[in-house]
């Protein structure tokens, strides 16, 4: 989880900078907003992975870890692609990524704060 947090967090910073500086003149404001949403969700979930990586290792945490990684890849990945002009049909997978992100959070309900 720690390495995934580092990878997703670092790449979120790069994606945010690329959107703000490299894409600003190329994309519409609406597309830039989609890009920003992807960066925001990626960064929040990188932080969530970082928090989980600092908790005592429990096998059950792995569901949240993998759900968040998969969710970022599908949800944020599809938003990045859509912002760059991918066919709008790609948007049908975005909610699948969102559900994976939700699954990761709802999995936390199984645990009691220590």
Protein backbone atom coordinates (compact mmCIF):
# COMPACT_ATOMS: atom_id res chain seq x y z
CA UNK A 1 0.00 0.00 0.00
CA UNK A 2 2.87 2.36 0.78
CA UNK A 3 4.44 2.03 -2.67
CA UNK A 4 1.04 2.40 -4.35
CA UNK A 5 0.43 5.56 -2.28
CA UNK A 6 3.80 6.96 -3.33
CA UNK A 7 3.20 6.13 -7.00
CA UNK A 8 -0.36 7.47 -7.09
CA UNK A 9 0.51 10.55 -5.04
CA UNK A 10 3.55 11.48 -7.10
CA UNK A 11 1.76 10.89 -10.38
CA UNK A 12 -1.20 12.98 -9.14
CA UNK A 13 1.15 15.91 -8.57
CA UNK A 14 2.61 15.44 -12.06
CA UNK A 15 -0.86 15.16 -13.61
CA UNK A 16 -2.01 18.27 -11.78
CA UNK A 17 0.99 20.26 -12.95
CA UNK A 18 0.60 18.95 -16.50
CA UNK A 19 -3.06 19.95 -16.51
CA UNK A 20 -2.37 23.41 -15.09
CA UNK A 21 0.58 24.21 -17.33
CA UNK A 22 0.75 21.84 -20.28
CA UNK A 23 -2.92 21.44 -21.11
CA UNK A 24 -4.32 24.83 -20.14
CA UNK A 25 -3.95 26.28 -23.63
CA UNK A 26 -5.06 23.05 -25.35
CA UNK A 27 -8.24 22.02 -23.55
CA UNK A 28 -11.58 23.67 -22.93
CA UNK A 29 -12.43 24.79 -19.41
CA UNK A 30 -14.88 21.87 -19.17
CA UNK A 31 -12.17 19.36 -20.12
CA UNK A 32 -9.76 20.95 -17.66
CA UNK A 33 -12.39 20.59 -14.93
CA UNK A 34 -12.72 16.88 -15.74
CA UNK A 35 -8.91 16.61 -15.54
CA UNK A 36 -8.91 18.41 -12.16
CA UNK A 37 -11.57 16.03 -10.83
CA UNK A 38 -9.41 13.05 -11.80
CA UNK A 39 -6.36 14.58 -10.10
CA UNK A 40 -8.35 15.33 -6.95
CA UNK A 41 -9.76 11.82 -6.63
CA UNK A 42 -6.38 10.27 -7.38
CA UNK A 43 -4.69 12.36 -4.73
CA UNK A 44 -7.32 11.68 -2.05
CA UNK A 45 -7.01 7.96 -2.62
CA UNK A 46 -3.21 8.13 -2.58
CA UNK A 47 -3.54 9.70 0.88
CA UNK A 48 -6.00 7.00 1.94
CA UNK A 49 -3.52 4.34 0.84
CA UNK A 50 -0.79 6.10 2.79
CA UNK A 51 -2.92 6.03 5.95
CA UNK A 52 -3.74 2.34 5.53
CA UNK A 53 -0.08 1.52 4.95
CA UNK A 54 0.69 2.87 8.43
CA UNK A 55 -1.88 0.68 10.16
CA UNK A 56 -1.14 -2.78 11.52
CA UNK A 57 -1.22 -5.16 8.57
CA UNK A 58 -4.47 -7.05 8.31
CA UNK A 59 -5.32 -9.22 5.38
CA UNK A 60 -8.79 -7.67 5.23
CA UNK A 61 -7.26 -4.22 4.52
CA UNK A 62 -6.15 -5.60 1.18
CA UNK A 63 -9.69 -5.33 -0.20
CA UNK A 64 -9.62 -1.57 0.38
CA UNK A 65 -6.11 -1.28 -1.04
CA UNK A 66 -6.93 -3.12 -4.26
CA UNK A 67 -10.35 -1.50 -4.62
CA UNK A 68 -8.77 1.96 -4.38
CA UNK A 69 -5.99 1.11 -6.81
CA UNK A 70 -8.45 -0.36 -9.30
CA UNK A 71 -10.86 2.51 -8.73
CA UNK A 72 -8.20 5.12 -9.41
CA UNK A 73 -7.10 3.33 -12.55
CA UNK A 74 -10.63 3.05 -13.93
CA UNK A 75 -12.30 6.18 -12.54
CA UNK A 76 -9.43 8.63 -12.84
CA UNK A 77 -7.97 6.95 -15.91
CA UNK A 78 -11.23 7.24 -17.80
CA UNK A 79 -11.61 10.88 -16.76
CA UNK A 80 -8.08 11.69 -17.92
CA UNK A 81 -8.80 10.00 -21.24
CA UNK A 82 -12.14 11.79 -21.65
CA UNK A 83 -10.54 15.14 -20.88
CA UNK A 84 -7.98 14.45 -23.62
CA UNK A 85 -10.73 13.75 -26.15
CA UNK A 86 -11.35 10.01 -25.91
CA UNK A 87 -14.73 8.90 -27.28
CA UNK A 88 -17.54 9.66 -24.85
CA UNK A 89 -18.46 5.94 -24.87
CA UNK A 90 -15.48 5.44 -22.56
CA UNK A 91 -17.50 7.26 -19.91
CA UNK A 92 -19.57 4.12 -19.33
CA UNK A 93 -16.70 2.61 -17.32
CA UNK A 94 -16.20 5.66 -15.09
CA UNK A 95 -18.97 4.61 -12.64
CA UNK A 96 -17.36 1.17 -12.33
CA UNK A 97 -14.24 2.88 -11.04
CA UNK A 98 -16.38 4.99 -8.73
CA UNK A 99 -17.98 1.86 -7.33
CA UNK A 100 -14.54 0.37 -6.70
CA UNK A 101 -13.56 3.51 -4.79
CA UNK A 102 -16.75 3.26 -2.73
CA UNK A 103 -16.10 -0.43 -2.06
CA UNK A 104 -12.71 0.46 -0.61
CA UNK A 105 -14.29 2.96 1.77
CA UNK A 106 -17.23 0.78 2.74
CA UNK A 107 -14.85 -2.09 3.48
CA UNK A 108 -13.53 0.05 6.33
CA UNK A 109 -16.89 -0.33 8.09
CA UNK A 110 -15.83 -3.90 8.94
CA UNK A 111 -13.14 -2.65 11.31
CA UNK A 112 -13.26 -1.17 14.74
CA UNK A 113 -11.01 1.78 15.58
CA UNK A 114 -8.23 0.61 17.85
